[in-house]
């Protein structure tokens, strides 16, 4: 489950006194150092809240003095959570008192006021009207249980009209106070997730981890997508799926989806079942991205792109469970068209996950702001900052600014928007992931590789889009290669033909979705490779990004700058620099 850090108003107001004041104010603006999350209690007690109470109960903002101290420590922006169902409690009766008061206090403290939008939960009156027979609202419907939850359906065209209605009024009433605004997606917290059961702030209804494409608009969208993929040729679809559908109306998401929930309910024992499931889950992930794009477009109608950003969800320290729908590289590809910043969650120093996100952001040209979804101690926070810098982060968000202000001042200059220089890439086995494969071996081996070398993580989408270039990478490591779709294998073949080296761990011969083994026989390809093979190859070729020492010091080189994280519990001397335990040091190289 997602764990979202909650910073209460009283904590935000009082904790600053525990942070030693700088000798002079620190300017965090180059990195947009920001925090949140205001008005949570207000939302929780509103008509859509998990603890709804009668009347308009306001939540006081932190004191101006407390926020001014945070600004002196480097804070630039404070995020306020604005929920549609909390401010329009009756049709066309907008009540903005809570957020006007918060914005005023934030501004008086000299901070930017940023709105994190919760438009994905319909106002209570709109749900009541729909329950009475209205057709202006469709809710997300589970394929597992057949039940609806209290989230707008992303498949109903009216949903984006509702979003427009909210953003239009937000801009009209609060626009002159807003310095930044998020395009709302879905998920429990308005991010790039499908519904999950997170009942802490809002009445989510009968929500659960599962597959949410059961409403009539979702079924139409799926059928239309399959028509498009197979050129309106039902026979071609039947051949690919091993089915005997008589009409396109028979084409629905896999019937195997149902209770009890299984991440991948379709057996992958045949090529037909593999293709049928991949067609569904690829569409399911893309549908959420397509809706996010519509939300971005609506937000850009009322706010300039410099103020707009969105949250595509996170990576759970690796890659999110497939049912969540959080396909981060796809979100990056979408956002690259609009020039907006994205702020994924779960950036907490889990290197494979951070690089899975960061490499895609670099490739598609999306500014990366990072956010940890849960609380971090000092050791983990330092590791997060190293990982962020290595992945190319440009901006920084934390729920615990008061706790980590000193480390932010110490290391934030490492956030340049540029990743580490490396000629080494690890493949994220996207096809295997979507087939329900457990990617923990890839993540575990990548963590061991990180002590020897910096690396990028290439999702299969990036490979298809041309990221695996011979002038960029010299070696590609495949820790899990059970199934790789043929177009991706073709790209890897081209990489090998151009002089690249591919190392495949384990003895399993990679297969395409049809089950045919990869026929690559060139000497550049080594099956059964280990880290020892990688080390021998890297020692001989001196790849950029490789340091070759299994000493617990992770290194990232950017030009002449060497950044080193000591991951051990004792001081270590590396590159003639003594690095205390769990701290970061830098050195300039020739």
Protein backbone atom coordinates (compact mmCIF):
# COMPACT_ATOMS: atom_id res chain seq x y z
CA UNK A 1 0.00 0.00 0.00
CA UNK A 2 1.00 3.61 -0.50
CA UNK A 3 2.01 5.29 2.75
CA UNK A 4 1.59 9.03 2.55
CA UNK A 5 3.38 11.10 5.15
CA UNK A 6 1.01 13.43 6.98
CA UNK A 7 2.39 16.59 8.53
CA UNK A 8 -0.12 18.14 10.88
CA UNK A 9 -0.55 21.84 11.26
CA UNK A 10 0.67 21.84 14.85
CA UNK A 11 3.80 19.92 13.94
CA UNK A 12 4.54 22.26 11.09
CA UNK A 13 3.98 25.24 13.34
CA UNK A 14 6.12 24.12 16.24
CA UNK A 15 8.90 21.90 14.91
CA UNK A 16 10.86 24.72 13.31
CA UNK A 17 12.13 25.73 16.71
CA UNK A 18 14.06 22.45 16.90
CA UNK A 19 16.09 23.32 13.80
CA UNK A 20 19.07 25.51 14.49
CA UNK A 21 18.79 28.78 12.63
CA UNK A 22 21.32 29.41 9.88
CA UNK A 23 23.76 32.24 10.29
CA UNK A 24 22.10 33.77 7.26
CA UNK A 25 18.98 32.79 5.31
CA UNK A 26 19.45 29.96 2.83
CA UNK A 27 17.88 30.37 -0.61
CA UNK A 28 16.26 27.13 -1.74
CA UNK A 29 14.65 28.66 -4.81
CA UNK A 30 17.02 27.17 -7.42
CA UNK A 31 15.72 23.76 -6.29
CA UNK A 32 12.16 24.76 -5.44
CA UNK A 33 12.53 23.25 -1.97
CA UNK A 34 8.94 22.68 -0.89
CA UNK A 35 6.77 20.90 1.63
CA UNK A 36 3.12 20.11 2.38
CA UNK A 37 0.38 19.21 3.24
CA UNK A 38 -2.01 21.82 4.53
CA UNK A 39 -5.81 21.59 4.93
CA UNK A 40 -5.85 17.80 5.36
CA UNK A 41 -7.98 17.99 8.51
CA UNK A 42 -10.29 20.44 6.72
CA UNK A 43 -10.84 17.90 3.92
CA UNK A 44 -11.26 15.04 6.35
CA UNK A 45 -14.10 16.86 8.14
CA UNK A 46 -15.77 18.06 4.94
CA UNK A 47 -18.77 16.27 3.35
CA UNK A 48 -16.47 13.97 1.32
CA UNK A 49 -14.15 13.28 4.26
CA UNK A 50 -13.51 10.08 6.16
CA UNK A 51 -14.47 11.97 9.34
CA UNK A 52 -17.19 14.23 7.97
CA UNK A 53 -18.86 16.52 10.53
CA UNK A 54 -21.65 19.07 10.19
CA UNK A 55 -20.74 22.65 9.42
CA UNK A 56 -17.73 24.34 7.88
CA UNK A 57 -14.85 23.43 10.19
CA UNK A 58 -11.68 25.27 9.26
CA UNK A 59 -8.12 24.14 9.89
CA UNK A 60 -5.81 26.95 10.99
CA UNK A 61 -2.64 27.39 8.94
CA UNK A 62 0.79 27.33 10.59
CA UNK A 63 1.77 30.64 12.11
CA UNK A 64 3.43 33.16 9.85
CA UNK A 65 6.40 33.26 12.23
CA UNK A 66 6.90 29.49 12.04
CA UNK A 67 6.74 29.51 8.26
CA UNK A 68 9.08 32.49 8.04
CA UNK A 69 11.67 30.52 10.05
CA UNK A 70 11.27 27.65 7.58
CA UNK A 71 11.83 30.07 4.73
CA UNK A 72 15.07 31.23 6.36
CA UNK A 73 16.14 27.58 6.44
CA UNK A 74 15.62 27.26 2.69
CA UNK A 75 11.93 26.44 2.21
CA UNK A 76 10.40 28.05 -0.86
CA UNK A 77 6.87 26.69 -1.21
CA UNK A 78 4.10 25.25 0.94
CA UNK A 79 1.44 23.02 -0.61
CA UNK A 80 -2.22 23.34 0.29
CA UNK A 81 -4.62 20.48 -0.46
CA UNK A 82 -7.75 21.79 -2.18
CA UNK A 83 -10.59 19.29 -2.66
CA UNK A 84 -13.51 20.07 -4.91
CA UNK A 85 -16.01 18.36 -2.61
CA UNK A 86 -14.85 20.49 0.32
CA UNK A 87 -15.23 23.88 -1.37
CA UNK A 88 -18.38 23.34 -3.46
CA UNK A 89 -20.66 21.76 -0.89
CA UNK A 90 -23.80 22.71 -2.78
CA UNK A 91 -24.11 23.23 -6.54
CA UNK A 92 -22.53 26.58 -7.48
CA UNK A 93 -22.05 27.51 -3.82
CA UNK A 94 -18.27 27.88 -3.58
CA UNK A 95 -16.75 28.38 -0.13
CA UNK A 96 -13.07 29.32 -0.30
CA UNK A 97 -12.55 30.69 3.22
CA UNK A 98 -10.19 27.90 4.32
CA UNK A 99 -7.83 28.28 1.38
CA UNK A 100 -7.91 32.06 1.28
CA UNK A 101 -6.78 32.05 4.92
CA UNK A 102 -4.01 29.52 4.21
CA UNK A 103 -2.82 31.35 1.10
CA UNK A 104 -2.71 34.64 2.99
CA UNK A 105 -0.57 33.19 5.79
CA UNK A 106 1.79 31.42 3.39
CA UNK A 107 2.26 34.60 1.37
CA UNK A 108 2.88 36.73 4.44
CA UNK A 109 5.68 34.35 5.37
CA UNK A 110 7.29 35.00 1.99
CA UNK A 111 6.59 31.51 0.65
CA UNK A 112 5.02 30.41 -2.61
CA UNK A 113 1.49 29.09 -2.33
CA UNK A 114 0.99 25.84 -4.24
CA UNK A 115 -2.33 24.05 -4.72
CA UNK A 116 -2.43 20.28 -4.74
CA UNK A 117 -5.77 19.47 -6.33
CA UNK A 118 -8.21 16.77 -5.23
CA UNK A 119 -10.78 16.80 -8.03
CA UNK A 120 -11.00 13.02 -8.34
CA UNK A 121 -13.61 12.55 -5.60
CA UNK A 122 -17.08 13.84 -6.62
CA UNK A 123 -18.82 16.22 -4.22
CA UNK A 124 -21.33 14.45 -2.00
CA UNK A 125 -24.23 16.29 -3.63
CA UNK A 126 -23.16 15.10 -7.07
CA UNK A 127 -23.03 11.48 -5.88
CA UNK A 128 -26.46 11.86 -4.31
CA UNK A 129 -27.87 13.32 -7.52
CA UNK A 130 -26.41 10.45 -9.55
CA UNK A 131 -27.82 7.90 -7.11
CA UNK A 132 -31.22 9.43 -7.74
CA UNK A 133 -31.03 8.57 -11.42
CA UNK A 134 -28.92 11.35 -12.93
CA UNK A 135 -26.53 10.52 -15.77
CA UNK A 136 -23.92 13.21 -15.19
CA UNK A 137 -21.61 11.03 -13.10
CA UNK A 138 -19.91 7.66 -13.58
CA UNK A 139 -17.86 6.11 -10.81
CA UNK A 140 -14.93 3.71 -11.14
CA UNK A 141 -16.27 0.15 -11.17
CA UNK A 142 -14.31 -2.91 -10.12
CA UNK A 143 -13.89 -5.84 -12.49
CA UNK A 144 -13.19 -7.96 -9.40
CA UNK A 145 -16.32 -7.24 -7.35
CA UNK A 146 -18.65 -5.33 -9.67
CA UNK A 147 -18.89 -2.59 -7.03
CA UNK A 148 -18.33 1.14 -7.49
CA UNK A 149 -16.06 3.31 -5.36
CA UNK A 150 -16.16 7.06 -4.77
CA UNK A 151 -13.75 8.01 -7.58
CA UNK A 152 -14.73 9.62 -10.86
CA UNK A 153 -14.46 7.19 -13.75
CA UNK A 154 -11.53 8.16 -15.97
CA UNK A 155 -13.36 6.53 -18.88
CA UNK A 156 -16.50 8.71 -18.85
CA UNK A 157 -15.99 11.79 -21.10
CA UNK A 158 -18.02 13.82 -18.59
CA UNK A 159 -15.32 13.38 -15.95
CA UNK A 160 -12.88 15.71 -17.65
CA UNK A 161 -15.74 18.22 -18.00
CA UNK A 162 -16.16 18.04 -14.23
CA UNK A 163 -12.42 18.64 -13.83
CA UNK A 164 -12.70 21.66 -16.12
CA UNK A 165 -15.56 23.00 -14.00
CA UNK A 166 -13.37 22.82 -10.89
CA UNK A 167 -10.18 24.27 -12.40
CA UNK A 168 -12.12 27.12 -13.99
CA UNK A 169 -13.52 28.15 -10.61
CA UNK A 170 -10.19 27.61 -8.87
CA UNK A 171 -8.50 29.98 -11.31
CA UNK A 172 -11.29 32.55 -11.08
CA UNK A 173 -11.29 32.74 -7.28
CA UNK A 174 -7.73 31.83 -6.27
CA UNK A 175 -5.68 32.30 -9.43
CA UNK A 176 -3.95 35.51 -8.35
CA UNK A 177 -2.73 33.80 -5.17
CA UNK A 178 -1.48 30.56 -6.75
CA UNK A 179 2.21 30.11 -7.59
CA UNK A 180 1.92 26.46 -8.54
CA UNK A 181 -0.85 23.97 -9.23
CA UNK A 182 -1.09 20.22 -9.81
CA UNK A 183 -3.06 18.49 -12.53
CA UNK A 184 -5.13 15.91 -10.65
CA UNK A 185 -5.07 12.32 -11.88
CA UNK A 186 -6.77 9.57 -9.83
CA UNK A 187 -5.63 7.22 -7.06
CA UNK A 188 -6.20 7.72 -3.34
CA UNK A 189 -4.11 10.90 -3.36
CA UNK A 190 -4.84 12.26 -6.84
CA UNK A 191 -1.75 10.61 -8.33
CA UNK A 192 -1.21 8.18 -11.20
CA UNK A 193 -2.68 5.16 -9.46
CA UNK A 194 -5.93 3.29 -9.82
CA UNK A 195 -8.14 3.15 -6.69
CA UNK A 196 -6.68 1.56 -3.57
CA UNK A 197 -8.16 1.24 -0.11
CA UNK A 198 -6.69 4.20 1.75
CA UNK A 199 -9.41 5.41 4.13
CA UNK A 200 -7.48 7.99 6.12
CA UNK A 201 -8.68 11.30 4.66
CA UNK A 202 -11.62 10.74 2.33
CA UNK A 203 -14.58 8.38 2.16
CA UNK A 204 -13.27 6.23 -0.68
CA UNK A 205 -16.18 3.80 -0.64
CA UNK A 206 -15.71 0.06 -1.36
CA UNK A 207 -12.21 0.49 -2.72
CA UNK A 208 -9.47 -2.14 -2.96
CA UNK A 209 -6.38 -3.17 -4.88
CA UNK A 210 -7.67 -4.64 -8.10
CA UNK A 211 -8.77 -3.84 -11.64
CA UNK A 212 -11.08 -0.88 -12.17
CA UNK A 213 -12.40 -1.02 -15.73
CA UNK A 214 -15.93 -2.31 -15.27
CA UNK A 215 -18.10 0.71 -16.05
CA UNK A 216 -19.79 0.92 -19.45
CA UNK A 217 -17.42 3.61 -20.72
CA UNK A 218 -14.40 1.52 -19.72
CA UNK A 219 -15.73 -1.52 -21.59
CA UNK A 220 -16.32 0.59 -24.70
CA UNK A 221 -12.84 2.11 -24.43
CA UNK A 222 -11.21 -1.31 -24.17
CA UNK A 223 -13.11 -2.66 -27.15
CA UNK A 224 -12.28 0.40 -29.24
CA UNK A 225 -8.59 0.10 -28.32
CA UNK A 226 -8.53 -3.53 -29.43
CA UNK A 227 -10.28 -2.61 -32.68
CA UNK A 228 -7.57 -0.05 -33.29
CA UNK A 229 -4.74 -2.44 -32.46
CA UNK A 230 -6.02 -5.22 -34.72
CA UNK A 231 -7.16 -2.98 -37.57
CA UNK A 232 -10.84 -3.72 -36.93
CA UNK A 233 -10.07 -7.34 -37.84
CA UNK A 234 -11.83 -9.60 -35.33
CA UNK A 235 -10.29 -12.71 -36.88
CA UNK A 236 -6.81 -11.33 -36.22
CA UNK A 237 -7.70 -10.70 -32.58
CA UNK A 238 -9.14 -14.20 -32.21
CA UNK A 239 -5.99 -15.70 -33.70
CA UNK A 240 -3.79 -13.70 -31.31
CA UNK A 241 -5.91 -14.50 -28.25
CA UNK A 242 -7.01 -18.04 -29.08
CA UNK A 243 -10.63 -16.95 -28.76
CA UNK A 244 -13.78 -17.41 -30.86
CA UNK A 245 -15.53 -14.07 -30.39
CA UNK A 246 -18.39 -13.74 -32.87
CA UNK A 247 -18.73 -9.96 -32.66
CA UNK A 248 -16.75 -7.07 -31.27
CA UNK A 249 -19.34 -6.77 -28.50
CA UNK A 250 -17.94 -10.04 -27.13
CA UNK A 251 -14.49 -8.49 -26.65
CA UNK A 252 -14.11 -7.62 -22.97
CA UNK A 253 -11.34 -7.56 -20.38
CA UNK A 254 -10.21 -11.06 -19.35
CA UNK A 255 -13.04 -13.01 -17.75
CA UNK A 256 -10.56 -14.46 -15.26
CA UNK A 257 -10.49 -11.13 -13.43
CA UNK A 258 -12.65 -11.57 -10.36
CA UNK A 259 -12.58 -12.44 -6.71
CA UNK A 260 -10.29 -13.27 -5.10
CA UNK A 261 -7.97 -10.63 -6.50
CA UNK A 262 -4.86 -11.90 -8.25
CA UNK A 263 -2.25 -9.53 -9.73
CA UNK A 264 -2.23 -11.57 -12.94
CA UNK A 265 -5.30 -13.81 -13.09
CA UNK A 266 -4.64 -15.10 -16.62
CA UNK A 267 -2.34 -18.13 -16.90
CA UNK A 268 0.71 -17.39 -19.03
CA UNK A 269 1.13 -20.99 -20.17
CA UNK A 270 0.33 -20.27 -23.83
CA UNK A 271 1.31 -17.56 -26.25
CA UNK A 272 -2.38 -16.73 -26.73
CA UNK A 273 -2.94 -16.17 -23.02
CA UNK A 274 0.22 -14.12 -22.76
CA UNK A 275 -0.84 -11.88 -25.63
CA UNK A 276 -4.41 -11.55 -24.35
CA UNK A 277 -3.23 -10.45 -20.92
CA UNK A 278 -0.55 -8.12 -22.26
CA UNK A 279 -3.10 -6.43 -24.51
CA UNK A 280 -5.33 -5.78 -21.52
CA UNK A 281 -2.71 -4.65 -19.02
CA UNK A 282 -0.87 -2.43 -21.53
CA UNK A 283 -4.16 -0.74 -22.37
CA UNK A 284 -5.03 -0.48 -18.67
CA UNK A 285 -1.79 1.34 -17.90
CA UNK A 286 -2.07 3.61 -20.93
CA UNK A 287 -5.67 4.54 -20.12
CA UNK A 288 -4.55 6.16 -16.88
CA UNK A 289 -1.78 8.05 -18.69
CA UNK A 290 -4.22 9.23 -21.36
CA UNK A 291 -6.55 10.55 -18.67
CA UNK A 292 -3.65 12.31 -16.95
CA UNK A 293 -2.90 14.02 -20.24
CA UNK A 294 -6.48 15.27 -20.44
CA UNK A 295 -6.16 16.63 -16.91
CA UNK A 296 -2.89 18.37 -17.82
CA UNK A 297 -4.56 19.99 -20.81
CA UNK A 298 -7.45 21.23 -18.68
CA UNK A 299 -5.08 22.68 -16.10
CA UNK A 300 -3.07 24.42 -18.82
CA UNK A 301 -6.27 26.13 -19.99
CA UNK A 302 -6.30 28.17 -16.78
CA UNK A 303 -2.66 28.28 -15.62
CA UNK A 304 0.66 28.81 -17.46
CA UNK A 305 2.86 25.75 -17.89
CA UNK A 306 5.49 27.24 -15.56
CA UNK A 307 3.01 26.78 -12.71
CA UNK A 308 1.68 23.34 -13.69
CA UNK A 309 2.98 19.98 -12.55
CA UNK A 310 1.54 16.55 -11.80
CA UNK A 311 2.26 13.46 -9.72
CA UNK A 312 2.47 10.18 -11.65
CA UNK A 313 2.57 8.00 -8.56
CA UNK A 314 5.69 6.19 -7.46
CA UNK A 315 7.67 2.98 -7.73
CA UNK A 316 7.37 1.32 -4.29
CA UNK A 317 11.17 1.14 -4.15
CA UNK A 318 11.30 -0.78 -7.43
CA UNK A 319 8.31 -0.98 -9.74
CA UNK A 320 4.75 -0.63 -8.46
CA UNK A 321 2.41 -3.67 -8.52
CA UNK A 322 0.90 -3.91 -11.99
CA UNK A 323 -2.68 -3.47 -10.78
CA UNK A 324 -1.83 0.00 -9.47
CA UNK A 325 -1.29 1.21 -13.03
CA UNK A 326 1.68 3.43 -12.19
CA UNK A 327 3.74 3.10 -15.35
CA UNK A 328 6.24 5.91 -14.75
CA UNK A 329 8.06 5.87 -18.14
CA UNK A 330 4.73 6.22 -19.93
CA UNK A 331 3.84 9.24 -17.78
CA UNK A 332 7.21 10.77 -18.64
CA UNK A 333 6.63 10.28 -22.35
CA UNK A 334 3.27 12.03 -22.03
CA UNK A 335 4.53 14.96 -19.94
CA UNK A 336 7.48 15.62 -22.24
CA UNK A 337 5.08 17.09 -24.78
CA UNK A 338 3.96 19.86 -22.42
CA UNK A 339 7.11 21.10 -20.69
CA UNK A 340 5.73 20.57 -17.20
CA UNK A 341 7.51 19.27 -14.10
CA UNK A 342 6.53 15.89 -12.65
CA UNK A 343 6.93 14.83 -9.04
CA UNK A 344 6.84 11.06 -8.54
CA UNK A 345 6.49 9.62 -5.07
CA UNK A 346 8.63 6.94 -3.39
CA UNK A 347 11.96 8.58 -4.24
CA UNK A 348 13.78 7.46 -1.11
CA UNK A 349 17.15 6.19 -2.31
CA UNK A 350 16.06 2.84 -3.73
CA UNK A 351 18.42 3.13 -6.66
CA UNK A 352 16.82 0.84 -9.24
CA UNK A 353 13.41 2.46 -8.77
CA UNK A 354 14.84 5.98 -8.77
CA UNK A 355 16.77 5.28 -11.95
CA UNK A 356 13.79 3.58 -13.62
CA UNK A 357 12.05 6.92 -13.15
CA UNK A 358 15.02 9.26 -13.66
CA UNK A 359 16.33 7.70 -16.87
CA UNK A 360 12.93 8.03 -18.51
CA UNK A 361 12.61 11.66 -17.38
CA UNK A 362 16.00 12.47 -18.88
CA UNK A 363 15.17 10.71 -22.14
CA UNK A 364 11.81 12.44 -22.61
CA UNK A 365 13.03 15.82 -21.34
CA UNK A 366 10.87 16.12 -18.23
CA UNK A 367 12.10 18.12 -15.20
CA UNK A 368 12.28 15.77 -12.21
CA UNK A 369 11.09 16.82 -8.76
CA UNK A 370 11.31 14.07 -6.15
CA UNK A 371 9.14 13.15 -3.19
CA UNK A 372 9.37 10.33 -0.64
CA UNK A 373 5.96 8.84 0.15
CA UNK A 374 6.88 7.82 3.68
CA UNK A 375 8.96 9.09 6.58
CA UNK A 376 12.76 8.82 6.37
CA UNK A 377 15.42 8.85 9.05
CA UNK A 378 18.61 10.86 8.54
CA UNK A 379 20.54 7.96 6.98
CA UNK A 380 17.77 7.19 4.50
CA UNK A 381 17.28 10.87 3.72
CA UNK A 382 20.96 11.31 2.83
CA UNK A 383 20.81 8.25 0.61
CA UNK A 384 17.72 9.69 -1.01
CA UNK A 385 19.55 12.93 -1.81
CA UNK A 386 22.47 11.05 -3.36
CA UNK A 387 20.12 8.92 -5.43
CA UNK A 388 18.13 11.99 -6.51
CA UNK A 389 21.28 13.79 -7.62
CA UNK A 390 22.55 10.74 -9.50
CA UNK A 391 19.18 10.31 -11.23
CA UNK A 392 19.10 13.92 -12.43
CA UNK A 393 16.65 15.52 -10.02
CA UNK A 394 16.25 19.29 -10.28
CA UNK A 395 13.74 19.96 -7.48
CA UNK A 396 13.10 18.68 -3.97
CA UNK A 397 9.97 18.01 -1.94
CA UNK A 398 9.81 16.66 1.61
CA UNK A 399 7.03 16.23 4.17
CA UNK A 400 9.64 16.57 6.93
CA UNK A 401 11.39 19.82 6.13
CA UNK A 402 11.93 20.69 9.78
CA UNK A 403 13.67 17.37 10.44
CA UNK A 404 15.94 17.43 7.39
CA UNK A 405 16.59 21.14 6.77
CA UNK A 406 20.27 20.82 7.70
CA UNK A 407 20.87 17.99 5.24
CA UNK A 408 18.99 19.85 2.54
CA UNK A 409 21.25 22.87 2.96
CA UNK A 410 24.29 20.58 2.97
CA UNK A 411 23.54 18.58 -0.18
CA UNK A 412 20.88 20.33 -2.27
CA UNK A 413 23.55 21.92 -4.51
CA UNK A 414 24.05 18.43 -5.95
CA UNK A 415 20.63 18.67 -7.63
CA UNK A 416 21.63 19.98 -11.04
CA UNK A 417 19.04 18.27 -13.24
CA UNK A 418 21.87 16.25 -14.78
CA UNK A 419 22.36 12.53 -14.05
CA UNK A 420 25.63 10.72 -13.58
CA UNK A 421 27.79 9.96 -16.60
CA UNK A 422 27.53 6.25 -17.38
CA UNK A 423 27.85 3.93 -20.36
CA UNK A 424 26.13 1.09 -18.51
CA UNK A 425 22.43 0.29 -18.59
CA UNK A 426 20.24 -2.27 -16.81
CA UNK A 427 17.08 -3.42 -18.58
CA UNK A 428 13.79 -3.16 -16.73
CA UNK A 429 12.02 -6.33 -17.97
CA UNK A 430 8.69 -4.65 -18.66
CA UNK A 431 7.12 -7.56 -20.52
CA UNK A 432 7.94 -9.93 -17.66
CA UNK A 433 6.64 -7.38 -15.15
CA UNK A 434 3.33 -7.10 -16.99
CA UNK A 435 3.05 -10.87 -17.15
CA UNK A 436 3.17 -10.92 -13.36
CA UNK A 437 6.87 -11.65 -12.95
CA UNK A 438 8.58 -10.88 -9.66
CA UNK A 439 11.26 -8.27 -10.37
CA UNK A 440 12.96 -8.58 -7.00
CA UNK A 441 15.92 -10.46 -8.52
CA UNK A 442 16.57 -7.58 -10.92
CA UNK A 443 16.29 -5.05 -8.10
CA UNK A 444 18.49 -7.07 -5.75
CA UNK A 445 21.24 -7.64 -8.33
CA UNK A 446 21.07 -3.99 -9.34
CA UNK A 447 21.71 -2.98 -5.73
CA UNK A 448 24.84 -5.15 -5.73
CA UNK A 449 25.92 -3.75 -9.09
CA UNK A 450 25.57 -0.21 -7.74
CA UNK A 451 28.57 -0.67 -5.46
CA UNK A 452 30.69 -1.30 -8.56
CA UNK A 453 29.14 1.12 -10.97
CA UNK A 454 26.64 3.82 -11.71
CA UNK A 455 24.05 2.78 -14.31
CA UNK A 456 20.87 3.86 -16.05
CA UNK A 457 17.70 1.77 -16.09
CA UNK A 458 16.13 1.39 -19.52
CA UNK A 459 12.50 0.43 -19.50
CA UNK A 460 11.44 -1.49 -22.61
CA UNK A 461 9.43 1.56 -23.70
CA UNK A 462 12.65 3.59 -23.82
CA UNK A 463 14.36 0.84 -25.81
CA UNK A 464 11.53 0.89 -28.34
CA UNK A 465 11.76 4.68 -28.56
CA UNK A 466 15.48 4.59 -29.37
CA UNK A 467 17.21 5.10 -26.02
CA UNK A 468 19.56 2.11 -26.44
CA UNK A 469 22.06 3.92 -28.65
CA UNK A 470 25.59 2.71 -29.27
CA UNK A 471 26.96 6.23 -28.90
CA UNK A 472 25.39 6.39 -25.43
CA UNK A 473 25.78 2.90 -23.92
CA UNK A 474 28.45 0.22 -24.25
CA UNK A 475 26.87 -2.56 -22.19
CA UNK A 476 23.31 -3.65 -21.36
CA UNK A 477 22.73 -5.96 -18.39
CA UNK A 478 19.68 -8.25 -18.27
CA UNK A 479 19.19 -9.75 -14.83
CA UNK A 480 15.84 -11.31 -15.79
CA UNK A 481 15.10 -12.11 -19.42
CA UNK A 482 12.39 -14.78 -19.35
CA UNK A 483 10.05 -12.94 -21.75
CA UNK A 484 10.88 -9.93 -23.91
CA UNK A 485 8.57 -8.80 -26.69
CA UNK A 486 10.08 -9.30 -30.14
CA UNK A 487 10.28 -5.60 -31.14
CA UNK A 488 12.42 -5.00 -28.03
CA UNK A 489 14.64 -7.96 -28.89
CA UNK A 490 15.07 -6.50 -32.37
CA UNK A 491 16.32 -3.25 -30.85
CA UNK A 492 18.76 -5.15 -28.65
CA UNK A 493 19.97 -7.04 -31.72
CA UNK A 494 20.68 -3.71 -33.40
CA UNK A 495 22.61 -2.57 -30.33
CA UNK A 496 24.77 -5.70 -30.50
CA UNK A 497 25.27 -5.29 -34.24
CA UNK A 498 26.56 -1.79 -33.54
CA UNK A 499 29.22 -3.08 -31.17
CA UNK A 500 27.32 -3.13 -27.87
CA UNK A 501 27.69 -5.88 -25.29
CA UNK A 502 24.75 -7.64 -23.66
CA UNK A 503 25.18 -9.63 -20.47
CA UNK A 504 22.33 -11.95 -19.48
CA UNK A 505 22.39 -13.31 -15.94
CA UNK A 506 21.16 -16.84 -15.34
CA UNK A 507 20.88 -19.76 -17.70
CA UNK A 508 17.40 -19.07 -19.03
CA UNK A 509 17.31 -18.32 -22.74
CA UNK A 510 15.26 -15.15 -23.35
CA UNK A 511 12.03 -15.81 -25.24
CA UNK A 512 9.60 -13.57 -27.05
CA UNK A 513 5.90 -13.54 -26.18
CA UNK A 514 5.25 -16.36 -28.66
CA UNK A 515 7.71 -18.48 -26.70
CA UNK A 516 10.40 -18.54 -29.38
CA UNK A 517 13.98 -18.36 -27.98
CA UNK A 518 16.19 -15.42 -28.77
CA UNK A 519 18.46 -16.46 -31.64
CA UNK A 520 21.23 -14.01 -30.88
CA UNK A 521 24.51 -15.91 -31.20
CA UNK A 522 27.05 -13.12 -31.51
CA UNK A 523 30.05 -13.12 -29.24
CA UNK A 524 28.88 -9.84 -27.71
CA UNK A 525 26.04 -11.73 -26.04
CA UNK A 526 26.89 -13.72 -22.92
CA UNK A 527 24.30 -15.92 -21.22
CA UNK A 528 24.89 -16.93 -17.62
CA UNK A 529 26.79 -13.73 -16.86
CA UNK A 530 27.57 -12.79 -13.27
CA UNK A 531 28.87 -9.65 -11.63
CA UNK A 532 32.32 -11.19 -11.99
CA UNK A 533 31.84 -11.27 -15.77
CA UNK A 534 30.65 -7.68 -15.66
CA UNK A 535 33.67 -6.63 -13.58
CA UNK A 536 36.11 -8.34 -15.96
CA UNK A 537 34.48 -6.64 -18.94
CA UNK A 538 34.35 -3.23 -17.24
CA UNK A 539 37.95 -3.46 -15.97
CA UNK A 540 39.12 -4.06 -19.53
CA UNK A 541 37.02 -1.32 -21.14
CA UNK A 542 37.02 1.41 -18.45
CA UNK A 543 33.38 2.28 -19.01
CA UNK A 544 32.21 5.68 -17.83
CA UNK A 545 30.32 5.30 -14.58
CA UNK A 546 32.35 2.30 -13.39
CA UNK A 547 34.46 2.56 -10.25
CA UNK A 548 35.14 -1.16 -9.81
CA UNK A 549 35.50 -1.20 -6.02
CA UNK A 550 33.14 -3.21 -3.86
CA UNK A 551 33.87 -0.99 -0.87
CA UNK A 552 30.42 0.25 0.10
CA UNK A 553 31.05 3.65 -1.49
CA UNK A 554 28.67 4.49 -4.32
CA UNK A 555 30.09 6.92 -6.86
CA UNK A 556 28.56 9.15 -9.48
CA UNK A 557 30.66 11.21 -11.86
CA UNK A 558 29.35 14.25 -13.69
CA UNK A 559 32.03 15.80 -15.82
CA UNK A 560 34.90 16.56 -13.45
CA UNK A 561 32.78 16.22 -10.31
CA UNK A 562 32.84 12.95 -8.37
CA UNK A 563 30.03 12.40 -5.84
CA UNK A 564 30.50 9.64 -3.27
CA UNK A 565 28.03 8.14 -0.79
CA UNK A 566 29.41 6.05 2.05
CA UNK A 567 26.73 3.38 2.58
CA UNK A 568 28.65 1.70 5.43
CA UNK A 569 28.43 2.19 9.18
CA UNK A 570 31.99 3.45 9.53
CA UNK A 571 34.20 6.11 7.98
CA UNK A 572 35.80 5.13 4.68
CA UNK A 573 38.64 6.69 2.69
CA UNK A 574 37.86 6.79 -1.03
CA UNK A 575 39.66 8.80 -3.69
CA UNK A 576 41.86 10.21 -0.89
CA UNK A 577 38.77 11.64 0.79
CA UNK A 578 37.59 10.49 4.22
CA UNK A 579 33.83 10.06 4.15
CA UNK A 580 31.96 9.64 7.46
CA UNK A 581 29.41 6.84 7.74
CA UNK A 582 26.26 7.47 5.70
CA UNK A 583 27.41 10.82 4.40
CA UNK A 584 28.16 12.29 0.97
CA UNK A 585 31.47 13.76 -0.17
CA UNK A 586 32.57 15.31 -3.45
CA UNK A 587 35.86 15.69 -5.25
CA UNK A 588 36.95 17.50 -8.39
CA UNK A 589 38.80 15.31 -10.87
CA UNK A 590 40.97 16.22 -13.88
